[in-house]
Amino acid sequence: RYLILITPIFVLGNTLSMQWMVPLGFDRQYNTIIATGAIISIALMIFIIPRFGPLGMVIITGSVELLICVMMMIYLLKLDLNPFSRNQNFQPETMAPQQEQQ
């Protein structure tokens, strides 16, 4: 019932990840951000869920999802990529960091 309140955060996270980071080739950075969020989530679950139960899980889920969105936004803004700007001039194939060839 409370999870419906954090649906906009999930939508924003999906937009930043699947519509921006992955298509531009930032898979490694995306995976690092998601793994960091998972570690933080597990650490918080150990302490919060025993005390607050299901409501604690909702709080953790919303907080970590918001943190993930903020981390993705910070990463994109550091590269001068603003997902909410209407005047975006870039070449997607040149945006991704160069992967080493083996």
PDB file of N, CA and C in Angstrom:
ATOM      1  N   ARG A   1       0.815  -1.186   0.000  1.00  0.00           N
ATOM      2  CA  ARG A   1       0.000   0.000   0.000  1.00  0.00           C
ATOM      3  C   ARG A   1       0.866   1.259   0.000  1.00  0.00           C
ATOM      4  N   TYR A   2       1.962   1.252   0.765  1.00  0.00           N
ATOM      5  CA  TYR A   2       2.831   2.427   0.815  1.00  0.00           C
ATOM      6  C   TYR A   2       3.775   2.514  -0.385  1.00  0.00           C
ATOM      7  N   LEU A   3       4.026   1.377  -1.016  1.00  0.00           N
ATOM      8  CA  LEU A   3       4.947   1.388  -2.154  1.00  0.00           C
ATOM      9  C   LEU A   3       4.446   2.246  -3.307  1.00  0.00           C
ATOM     10  N   ILE A   4       3.146   2.435  -3.413  1.00  0.00           N
ATOM     11  CA  ILE A   4       2.607   3.266  -4.482  1.00  0.00           C
ATOM     12  C   ILE A   4       3.120   4.699  -4.370  1.00  0.00           C
ATOM     13  N   LEU A   5       3.467   5.124  -3.169  1.00  0.00           N
ATOM     14  CA  LEU A   5       3.954   6.486  -2.962  1.00  0.00           C
ATOM     15  C   LEU A   5       5.349   6.714  -3.552  1.00  0.00           C
ATOM     16  N   ILE A   6       6.118   5.635  -3.701  1.00  0.00           N
ATOM     17  CA  ILE A   6       7.464   5.806  -4.253  1.00  0.00           C
ATOM     18  C   ILE A   6       7.560   5.435  -5.730  1.00  0.00           C
ATOM     19  N   THR A   7       6.430   5.200  -6.366  1.00  0.00           N
ATOM     20  CA  THR A   7       6.411   4.883  -7.795  1.00  0.00           C
ATOM     21  C   THR A   7       7.099   5.951  -8.643  1.00  0.00           C
ATOM     22  N   PRO A   8       6.897   7.253  -8.394  1.00  0.00           N
ATOM     23  CA  PRO A   8       7.606   8.260  -9.205  1.00  0.00           C
ATOM     24  C   PRO A   8       9.128   8.149  -9.114  1.00  0.00           C
ATOM     25  N   ILE A   9       9.635   7.713  -7.973  1.00  0.00           N
ATOM     26  CA  ILE A   9      11.081   7.532  -7.842  1.00  0.00           C
ATOM     27  C   ILE A   9      11.546   6.385  -8.725  1.00  0.00           C
ATOM     28  N   PHE A  10      10.773   5.295  -8.778  1.00  0.00           N
ATOM     29  CA  PHE A  10      11.112   4.173  -9.655  1.00  0.00           C
ATOM     30  C   PHE A  10      11.100   4.606 -11.121  1.00  0.00           C
ATOM     31  N   VAL A  11      10.130   5.405 -11.493  1.00  0.00           N
ATOM     32  CA  VAL A  11      10.023   5.884 -12.878  1.00  0.00           C
ATOM     33  C   VAL A  11      11.241   6.738 -13.230  1.00  0.00           C
ATOM     34  N   LEU A  12      11.614   7.638 -12.342  1.00  0.00           N
ATOM     35  CA  LEU A  12      12.789   8.485 -12.587  1.00  0.00           C
ATOM     36  C   LEU A  12      14.049   7.639 -12.705  1.00  0.00           C
ATOM     37  N   GLY A  13      14.210   6.673 -11.816  1.00  0.00           N
ATOM     38  CA  GLY A  13      15.378   5.798 -11.870  1.00  0.00           C
ATOM     39  C   GLY A  13      15.445   5.010 -13.164  1.00  0.00           C
ATOM     40  N   ASN A  14      14.321   4.497 -13.611  1.00  0.00           N
ATOM     41  CA  ASN A  14      14.286   3.755 -14.867  1.00  0.00           C
ATOM     42  C   ASN A  14      14.608   4.663 -16.043  1.00  0.00           C
ATOM     43  N   THR A  15      14.114   5.877 -16.018  1.00  0.00           N
ATOM     44  CA  THR A  15      14.392   6.822 -17.100  1.00  0.00           C
ATOM     45  C   THR A  15      15.875   7.139 -17.165  1.00  0.00           C
ATOM     46  N   LEU A  16      16.469   7.431 -16.029  1.00  0.00           N
ATOM     47  CA  LEU A  16      17.890   7.768 -16.017  1.00  0.00           C
ATOM     48  C   LEU A  16      18.757   6.585 -16.424  1.00  0.00           C
ATOM     49  N   SER A  17      18.371   5.386 -16.012  1.00  0.00           N
ATOM     50  CA  SER A  17      19.211   4.228 -16.311  1.00  0.00           C
ATOM     51  C   SER A  17      18.976   3.681 -17.713  1.00  0.00           C
ATOM     52  N   MET A  18      17.761   3.286 -18.005  1.00  0.00           N
ATOM     53  CA  MET A  18      17.491   2.601 -19.274  1.00  0.00           C
ATOM     54  C   MET A  18      17.366   3.536 -20.476  1.00  0.00           C
ATOM     55  N   GLN A  19      17.070   4.790 -20.238  1.00  0.00           N
ATOM     56  CA  GLN A  19      16.925   5.728 -21.352  1.00  0.00           C
ATOM     57  C   GLN A  19      18.155   6.608 -21.551  1.00  0.00           C
ATOM     58  N   TRP A  20      19.037   6.647 -20.554  1.00  0.00           N
ATOM     59  CA  TRP A  20      20.215   7.505 -20.655  1.00  0.00           C
ATOM     60  C   TRP A  20      21.516   6.737 -20.488  1.00  0.00           C
ATOM     61  N   MET A  21      21.738   6.157 -19.340  1.00  0.00           N
ATOM     62  CA  MET A  21      23.044   5.578 -19.055  1.00  0.00           C
ATOM     63  C   MET A  21      23.366   4.371 -19.928  1.00  0.00           C
ATOM     64  N   VAL A  22      22.470   3.427 -20.027  1.00  0.00           N
ATOM     65  CA  VAL A  22      22.737   2.217 -20.803  1.00  0.00           C
ATOM     66  C   VAL A  22      22.855   2.512 -22.300  1.00  0.00           C
ATOM     67  N   PRO A  23      21.939   3.259 -22.914  1.00  0.00           N
ATOM     68  CA  PRO A  23      22.100   3.540 -24.344  1.00  0.00           C
ATOM     69  C   PRO A  23      23.364   4.339 -24.684  1.00  0.00           C
ATOM     70  N   LEU A  24      23.847   5.152 -23.749  1.00  0.00           N
ATOM     71  CA  LEU A  24      25.058   5.931 -23.993  1.00  0.00           C
ATOM     72  C   LEU A  24      26.326   5.142 -23.680  1.00  0.00           C
ATOM     73  N   GLY A  25      26.170   3.904 -23.241  1.00  0.00           N
ATOM     74  CA  GLY A  25      27.323   3.042 -23.024  1.00  0.00           C
ATOM     75  C   GLY A  25      27.921   3.124 -21.626  1.00  0.00           C
ATOM     76  N   PHE A  26      27.194   3.657 -20.666  1.00  0.00           N
ATOM     77  CA  PHE A  26      27.704   3.775 -19.305  1.00  0.00           C
ATOM     78  C   PHE A  26      27.268   2.583 -18.455  1.00  0.00           C
ATOM     79  N   ASP A  27      27.357   1.391 -19.016  1.00  0.00           N
ATOM     80  CA  ASP A  27      26.932   0.178 -18.318  1.00  0.00           C
ATOM     81  C   ASP A  27      27.728  -0.045 -17.036  1.00  0.00           C
ATOM     82  N   ARG A  28      29.043   0.117 -17.124  1.00  0.00           N
ATOM     83  CA  ARG A  28      29.898  -0.127 -15.964  1.00  0.00           C
ATOM     84  C   ARG A  28      29.541   0.830 -14.822  1.00  0.00           C
ATOM     85  N   GLN A  29      29.353   2.104 -15.137  1.00  0.00           N
ATOM     86  CA  GLN A  29      29.001   3.091 -14.127  1.00  0.00           C
ATOM     87  C   GLN A  29      27.615   2.815 -13.552  1.00  0.00           C
ATOM     88  N   TYR A  30      26.690   2.431 -14.403  1.00  0.00           N
ATOM     89  CA  TYR A  30      25.333   2.080 -13.975  1.00  0.00           C
ATOM     90  C   TYR A  30      25.379   0.904 -12.997  1.00  0.00           C
ATOM     91  N   ASN A  31      26.133  -0.138 -13.362  1.00  0.00           N
ATOM     92  CA  ASN A  31      26.233  -1.317 -12.501  1.00  0.00           C
ATOM     93  C   ASN A  31      26.886  -0.980 -11.164  1.00  0.00           C
ATOM     94  N   THR A  32      27.873  -0.097 -11.165  1.00  0.00           N
ATOM     95  CA  THR A  32      28.515   0.324  -9.924  1.00  0.00           C
ATOM     96  C   THR A  32      27.522   1.044  -9.014  1.00  0.00           C
ATOM     97  N   ILE A  33      26.723   1.921  -9.590  1.00  0.00           N
ATOM     98  CA  ILE A  33      25.720   2.662  -8.814  1.00  0.00           C
ATOM     99  C   ILE A  33      24.687   1.698  -8.236  1.00  0.00           C
ATOM    100  N   ILE A  34      24.210   0.756  -9.037  1.00  0.00           N
ATOM    101  CA  ILE A  34      23.206  -0.210  -8.566  1.00  0.00           C
ATOM    102  C   ILE A  34      23.791  -1.107  -7.472  1.00  0.00           C
ATOM    103  N   ALA A  35      25.033  -1.560  -7.643  1.00  0.00           N
ATOM    104  CA  ALA A  35      25.671  -2.402  -6.627  1.00  0.00           C
ATOM    105  C   ALA A  35      25.846  -1.633  -5.316  1.00  0.00           C
ATOM    106  N   THR A  36      26.223  -0.373  -5.410  1.00  0.00           N
ATOM    107  CA  THR A  36      26.353   0.457  -4.209  1.00  0.00           C
ATOM    108  C   THR A  36      25.011   0.576  -3.500  1.00  0.00           C
ATOM    109  N   GLY A  37      23.957   0.806  -4.267  1.00  0.00           N
ATOM    110  CA  GLY A  37      22.614   0.886  -3.682  1.00  0.00           C
ATOM    111  C   GLY A  37      22.203  -0.416  -3.020  1.00  0.00           C
ATOM    112  N   ALA A  38      22.553  -1.540  -3.628  1.00  0.00           N
ATOM    113  CA  ALA A  38      22.205  -2.842  -3.056  1.00  0.00           C
ATOM    114  C   ALA A  38      22.922  -3.073  -1.727  1.00  0.00           C
ATOM    115  N   ILE A  39      24.194  -2.703  -1.669  1.00  0.00           N
ATOM    116  CA  ILE A  39      24.959  -2.874  -0.431  1.00  0.00           C
ATOM    117  C   ILE A  39      24.370  -2.009   0.682  1.00  0.00           C
ATOM    118  N   ILE A  40      24.058  -0.755   0.347  1.00  0.00           N
ATOM    119  CA  ILE A  40      23.454   0.146   1.334  1.00  0.00           C
ATOM    120  C   ILE A  40      22.106  -0.391   1.791  1.00  0.00           C
ATOM    121  N   SER A  41      21.321  -0.906   0.850  1.00  0.00           N
ATOM    122  CA  SER A  41      20.003  -1.442   1.170  1.00  0.00           C
ATOM    123  C   SER A  41      20.097  -2.622   2.129  1.00  0.00           C
ATOM    124  N   ILE A  42      21.003  -3.540   1.851  1.00  0.00           N
ATOM    125  CA  ILE A  42      21.166  -4.716   2.716  1.00  0.00           C
ATOM    126  C   ILE A  42      21.615  -4.289   4.112  1.00  0.00           C
ATOM    127  N   ALA A  43      22.551  -3.350   4.178  1.00  0.00           N
ATOM    128  CA  ALA A  43      23.034  -2.876   5.482  1.00  0.00           C
ATOM    129  C   ALA A  43      21.901  -2.237   6.284  1.00  0.00           C
ATOM    130  N   LEU A  44      21.074  -1.437   5.608  1.00  0.00           N
ATOM    131  CA  LEU A  44      19.957  -0.804   6.306  1.00  0.00           C
ATOM    132  C   LEU A  44      18.900  -1.817   6.743  1.00  0.00           C
ATOM    133  N   MET A  45      18.679  -2.847   5.921  1.00  0.00           N
ATOM    134  CA  MET A  45      17.677  -3.864   6.254  1.00  0.00           C
ATOM    135  C   MET A  45      18.000  -4.560   7.568  1.00  0.00           C
ATOM    136  N   ILE A  46      19.271  -4.805   7.802  1.00  0.00           N
ATOM    137  CA  ILE A  46      19.680  -5.518   9.017  1.00  0.00           C
ATOM    138  C   ILE A  46      19.240  -4.763  10.270  1.00  0.00           C
ATOM    139  N   PHE A  47      19.291  -3.438  10.200  1.00  0.00           N
ATOM    140  CA  PHE A  47      18.986  -2.644  11.385  1.00  0.00           C
ATOM    141  C   PHE A  47      17.534  -2.143  11.459  1.00  0.00           C
ATOM    142  N   ILE A  48      16.946  -1.842  10.316  1.00  0.00           N
ATOM    143  CA  ILE A  48      15.636  -1.182  10.326  1.00  0.00           C
ATOM    144  C   ILE A  48      14.461  -2.153  10.309  1.00  0.00           C
ATOM    145  N   ILE A  49      14.551  -3.226   9.549  1.00  0.00           N
ATOM    146  CA  ILE A  49      13.412  -4.135   9.425  1.00  0.00           C
ATOM    147  C   ILE A  49      13.025  -4.783  10.759  1.00  0.00           C
ATOM    148  N   PRO A  50      13.967  -5.226  11.590  1.00  0.00           N
ATOM    149  CA  PRO A  50      13.535  -5.818  12.861  1.00  0.00           C
ATOM    150  C   PRO A  50      12.733  -4.851  13.736  1.00  0.00           C
ATOM    151  N   ARG A  51      13.017  -3.587  13.620  1.00  0.00           N
ATOM    152  CA  ARG A  51      12.316  -2.618  14.471  1.00  0.00           C
ATOM    153  C   ARG A  51      11.004  -2.128  13.858  1.00  0.00           C
ATOM    154  N   PHE A  52      11.000  -1.885  12.536  1.00  0.00           N
ATOM    155  CA  PHE A  52       9.827  -1.276  11.899  1.00  0.00           C
ATOM    156  C   PHE A  52       9.045  -2.225  10.996  1.00  0.00           C
ATOM    157  N   GLY A  53       9.539  -3.401  10.742  1.00  0.00           N
ATOM    158  CA  GLY A  53       8.823  -4.383   9.926  1.00  0.00           C
ATOM    159  C   GLY A  53       8.637  -3.944   8.481  1.00  0.00           C
ATOM    160  N   PRO A  54       7.466  -4.236   7.899  1.00  0.00           N
ATOM    161  CA  PRO A  54       7.220  -3.904   6.494  1.00  0.00           C
ATOM    162  C   PRO A  54       7.336  -2.403   6.192  1.00  0.00           C
ATOM    163  N   LEU A  55       6.933  -1.565   7.108  1.00  0.00           N
ATOM    164  CA  LEU A  55       7.064  -0.127   6.893  1.00  0.00           C
ATOM    165  C   LEU A  55       8.537   0.263   6.784  1.00  0.00           C
ATOM    166  N   GLY A  56       9.391  -0.389   7.541  1.00  0.00           N
ATOM    167  CA  GLY A  56      10.829  -0.155   7.434  1.00  0.00           C
ATOM    168  C   GLY A  56      11.355  -0.517   6.064  1.00  0.00           C
ATOM    169  N   MET A  57      10.835  -1.604   5.498  1.00  0.00           N
ATOM    170  CA  MET A  57      11.246  -2.016   4.155  1.00  0.00           C
ATOM    171  C   MET A  57      10.847  -0.978   3.120  1.00  0.00           C
ATOM    172  N   VAL A  58       9.659  -0.429   3.270  1.00  0.00           N
ATOM    173  CA  VAL A  58       9.199   0.615   2.345  1.00  0.00           C
ATOM    174  C   VAL A  58      10.101   1.845   2.450  1.00  0.00           C
ATOM    175  N   ILE A  59      10.453   2.209   3.668  1.00  0.00           N
ATOM    176  CA  ILE A  59      11.328   3.369   3.873  1.00  0.00           C
ATOM    177  C   ILE A  59      12.699   3.119   3.254  1.00  0.00           C
ATOM    178  N   ILE A  60      13.233   1.931   3.469  1.00  0.00           N
ATOM    179  CA  ILE A  60      14.540   1.589   2.890  1.00  0.00           C
ATOM    180  C   ILE A  60      14.474   1.604   1.365  1.00  0.00           C
ATOM    181  N   THR A  61      13.455   0.977   0.814  1.00  0.00           N
ATOM    182  CA  THR A  61      13.321   0.907  -0.642  1.00  0.00           C
ATOM    183  C   THR A  61      13.243   2.299  -1.250  1.00  0.00           C
ATOM    184  N   GLY A  62      12.403   3.140  -0.698  1.00  0.00           N
ATOM    185  CA  GLY A  62      12.273   4.496  -1.220  1.00  0.00           C
ATOM    186  C   GLY A  62      13.542   5.303  -1.073  1.00  0.00           C
ATOM    187  N   SER A  63      14.183   5.202   0.077  1.00  0.00           N
ATOM    188  CA  SER A  63      15.404   5.964   0.332  1.00  0.00           C
ATOM    189  C   SER A  63      16.544   5.538  -0.582  1.00  0.00           C
ATOM    190  N   VAL A  64      16.730   4.242  -0.719  1.00  0.00           N
ATOM    191  CA  VAL A  64      17.823   3.742  -1.557  1.00  0.00           C
ATOM    192  C   VAL A  64      17.543   4.038  -3.030  1.00  0.00           C
ATOM    193  N   GLU A  65      16.312   3.897  -3.446  1.00  0.00           N
ATOM    194  CA  GLU A  65      15.979   4.208  -4.841  1.00  0.00           C
ATOM    195  C   GLU A  65      16.225   5.692  -5.131  1.00  0.00           C
ATOM    196  N   LEU A  66      15.871   6.547  -4.192  1.00  0.00           N
ATOM    197  CA  LEU A  66      16.137   7.975  -4.349  1.00  0.00           C
ATOM    198  C   LEU A  66      17.638   8.242  -4.388  1.00  0.00           C
ATOM    199  N   LEU A  67      18.400   7.571  -3.544  1.00  0.00           N
ATOM    200  CA  LEU A  67      19.850   7.720  -3.552  1.00  0.00           C
ATOM    201  C   LEU A  67      20.447   7.293  -4.892  1.00  0.00           C
ATOM    202  N   ILE A  68      19.946   6.196  -5.438  1.00  0.00           N
ATOM    203  CA  ILE A  68      20.418   5.720  -6.743  1.00  0.00           C
ATOM    204  C   ILE A  68      20.123   6.766  -7.821  1.00  0.00           C
ATOM    205  N   CYS A  69      18.930   7.333  -7.794  1.00  0.00           N
ATOM    206  CA  CYS A  69      18.574   8.378  -8.768  1.00  0.00           C
ATOM    207  C   CYS A  69      19.509   9.576  -8.644  1.00  0.00           C
ATOM    208  N   VAL A  70      19.793   9.976  -7.418  1.00  0.00           N
ATOM    209  CA  VAL A  70      20.691  11.120  -7.201  1.00  0.00           C
ATOM    210  C   VAL A  70      22.094  10.798  -7.715  1.00  0.00           C
ATOM    211  N   MET A  71      22.588   9.593  -7.448  1.00  0.00           N
ATOM    212  CA  MET A  71      23.925   9.220  -7.924  1.00  0.00           C
ATOM    213  C   MET A  71      23.986   9.202  -9.452  1.00  0.00           C
ATOM    214  N   MET A  72      22.941   8.688 -10.111  1.00  0.00           N
ATOM    215  CA  MET A  72      22.920   8.686 -11.574  1.00  0.00           C
ATOM    216  C   MET A  72      22.874  10.106 -12.120  1.00  0.00           C
ATOM    217  N   MET A  73      22.058  10.949 -11.498  1.00  0.00           N
ATOM    218  CA  MET A  73      21.939  12.337 -11.936  1.00  0.00           C
ATOM    219  C   MET A  73      23.264  13.070 -11.773  1.00  0.00           C
ATOM    220  N   ILE A  74      23.934  12.870 -10.648  1.00  0.00           N
ATOM    221  CA  ILE A  74      25.239  13.506 -10.428  1.00  0.00           C
ATOM    222  C   ILE A  74      26.235  13.054 -11.485  1.00  0.00           C
ATOM    223  N   TYR A  75      26.257  11.765 -11.783  1.00  0.00           N
ATOM    224  CA  TYR A  75      27.186  11.255 -12.798  1.00  0.00           C
ATOM    225  C   TYR A  75      26.907  11.882 -14.159  1.00  0.00           C
ATOM    226  N   LEU A  76      25.641  11.916 -14.555  1.00  0.00           N
ATOM    227  CA  LEU A  76      25.306  12.493 -15.854  1.00  0.00           C
ATOM    228  C   LEU A  76      25.609  13.992 -15.904  1.00  0.00           C
ATOM    229  N   LEU A  77      25.328  14.697 -14.832  1.00  0.00           N
ATOM    230  CA  LEU A  77      25.597  16.142 -14.812  1.00  0.00           C
ATOM    231  C   LEU A  77      27.091  16.446 -14.845  1.00  0.00           C
ATOM    232  N   LYS A  78      27.914  15.572 -14.253  1.00  0.00           N
ATOM    233  CA  LYS A  78      29.365  15.759 -14.330  1.00  0.00           C
ATOM    234  C   LYS A  78      29.868  15.662 -15.763  1.00  0.00           C
ATOM    235  N   LEU A  79      29.137  14.940 -16.591  1.00  0.00           N
ATOM    236  CA  LEU A  79      29.493  14.803 -18.008  1.00  0.00           C
ATOM    237  C   LEU A  79      28.771  15.836 -18.876  1.00  0.00           C
ATOM    238  N   ASP A  80      28.179  16.826 -18.230  1.00  0.00           N
ATOM    239  CA  ASP A  80      27.395  17.858 -18.916  1.00  0.00           C
ATOM    240  C   ASP A  80      26.226  17.270 -19.698  1.00  0.00           C
ATOM    241  N   LEU A  81      25.641  16.209 -19.172  1.00  0.00           N
ATOM    242  CA  LEU A  81      24.440  15.611 -19.758  1.00  0.00           C
ATOM    243  C   LEU A  81      23.289  15.854 -18.802  1.00  0.00           C
ATOM    244  N   ASN A  82      22.342  16.661 -19.209  1.00  0.00           N
ATOM    245  CA  ASN A  82      21.182  16.946 -18.372  1.00  0.00           C
ATOM    246  C   ASN A  82      19.963  16.294 -19.014  1.00  0.00           C
ATOM    247  N   PRO A  83      19.460  15.215 -18.424  1.00  0.00           N
ATOM    248  CA  PRO A  83      18.318  14.522 -19.005  1.00  0.00           C
ATOM    249  C   PRO A  83      17.065  15.379 -19.109  1.00  0.00           C
ATOM    250  N   PHE A  84      17.015  16.477 -18.398  1.00  0.00           N
ATOM    251  CA  PHE A  84      15.817  17.303 -18.390  1.00  0.00           C
ATOM    252  C   PHE A  84      15.967  18.568 -19.222  1.00  0.00           C
ATOM    253  N   SER A  85      17.071  18.662 -19.961  1.00  0.00           N
ATOM    254  CA  SER A  85      17.296  19.818 -20.819  1.00  0.00           C
ATOM    255  C   SER A  85      16.722  19.538 -22.205  1.00  0.00           C
ATOM    256  N   ARG A  86      16.128  20.535 -22.791  1.00  0.00           N
ATOM    257  CA  ARG A  86      15.581  20.364 -24.138  1.00  0.00           C
ATOM    258  C   ARG A  86      16.648  20.577 -25.212  1.00  0.00           C
ATOM    259  N   ASN A  87      17.719  21.241 -24.878  1.00  0.00           N
ATOM    260  CA  ASN A  87      18.779  21.557 -25.840  1.00  0.00           C
ATOM    261  C   ASN A  87      19.984  20.667 -25.593  1.00  0.00           C
ATOM    262  N   GLN A  88      19.875  19.425 -25.956  1.00  0.00           N
ATOM    263  CA  GLN A  88      20.944  18.465 -25.742  1.00  0.00           C
ATOM    264  C   GLN A  88      21.596  18.155 -27.076  1.00  0.00           C
ATOM    265  N   ASN A  89      22.840  18.556 -27.249  1.00  0.00           N
ATOM    266  CA  ASN A  89      23.573  18.291 -28.484  1.00  0.00           C
ATOM    267  C   ASN A  89      24.755  17.401 -28.169  1.00  0.00           C
ATOM    268  N   PHE A  90      24.644  16.123 -28.501  1.00  0.00           N
ATOM    269  CA  PHE A  90      25.747  15.201 -28.283  1.00  0.00           C
ATOM    270  C   PHE A  90      25.624  14.058 -29.263  1.00  0.00           C
ATOM    271  N   GLN A  91      26.717  13.366 -29.430  1.00  0.00           N
ATOM    272  CA  GLN A  91      26.750  12.196 -30.291  1.00  0.00           C
ATOM    273  C   GLN A  91      26.838  10.967 -29.392  1.00  0.00           C
ATOM    274  N   PRO A  92      25.774  10.167 -29.312  1.00  0.00           N
ATOM    275  CA  PRO A  92      25.769   9.026 -28.390  1.00  0.00           C
ATOM    276  C   PRO A  92      26.958   8.092 -28.555  1.00  0.00           C
ATOM    277  N   GLU A  93      27.402   7.864 -29.782  1.00  0.00           N
ATOM    278  CA  GLU A  93      28.491   6.908 -29.980  1.00  0.00           C
ATOM    279  C   GLU A  93      29.826   7.433 -29.463  1.00  0.00           C
ATOM    280  N   THR A  94      29.957   8.720 -29.230  1.00  0.00           N
ATOM    281  CA  THR A  94      31.213   9.268 -28.736  1.00  0.00           C
ATOM    282  C   THR A  94      31.172   9.553 -27.248  1.00  0.00           C
ATOM    283  N   MET A  95      30.049   9.312 -26.576  1.00  0.00           N
ATOM    284  CA  MET A  95      29.903   9.670 -25.176  1.00  0.00           C
ATOM    285  C   MET A  95      30.478   8.614 -24.236  1.00  0.00           C
ATOM    286  N   ALA A  96      30.408   7.370 -24.611  1.00  0.00           N
ATOM    287  CA  ALA A  96      30.843   6.303 -23.706  1.00  0.00           C
ATOM    288  C   ALA A  96      32.349   6.305 -23.569  1.00  0.00           C
ATOM    289  N   PRO A  97      32.839   6.010 -22.361  1.00  0.00           N
ATOM    290  CA  PRO A  97      34.274   5.882 -22.182  1.00  0.00           C
ATOM    291  C   PRO A  97      34.806   4.765 -23.064  1.00  0.00           C
ATOM    292  N   GLN A  98      35.969   4.940 -23.573  1.00  0.00           N
ATOM    293  CA  GLN A  98      36.541   3.939 -24.477  1.00  0.00           C
ATOM    294  C   GLN A  98      36.871   2.684 -23.703  1.00  0.00           C
ATOM    295  N   GLN A  99      36.402   1.556 -24.197  1.00  0.00           N
ATOM    296  CA  GLN A  99      36.683   0.263 -23.588  1.00  0.00           C
ATOM    297  C   GLN A  99      37.993  -0.251 -24.163  1.00  0.00           C
ATOM    298  N   GLU A 100      38.803  -0.873 -23.314  1.00  0.00           N
ATOM    299  CA  GLU A 100      40.061  -1.415 -23.792  1.00  0.00           C
ATOM    300  C   GLU A 100      39.790  -2.644 -24.640  1.00  0.00           C
ATOM    301  N   GLN A 101      40.484  -2.727 -25.761  1.00  0.00           N
ATOM    302  CA  GLN A 101      40.356  -3.877 -26.651  1.00  0.00           C
ATOM    303  C   GLN A 101      41.309  -4.966 -26.186  1.00  0.00           C
ATOM    304  N   GLN A 102      40.826  -6.204 -26.167  1.00  0.00           N
ATOM    305  CA  GLN A 102      41.700  -7.303 -25.741  1.00  0.00           C
ATOM    306  C   GLN A 102      42.249  -8.013 -26.939  1.00  0.00           C
TER     307      GLN A 102
END
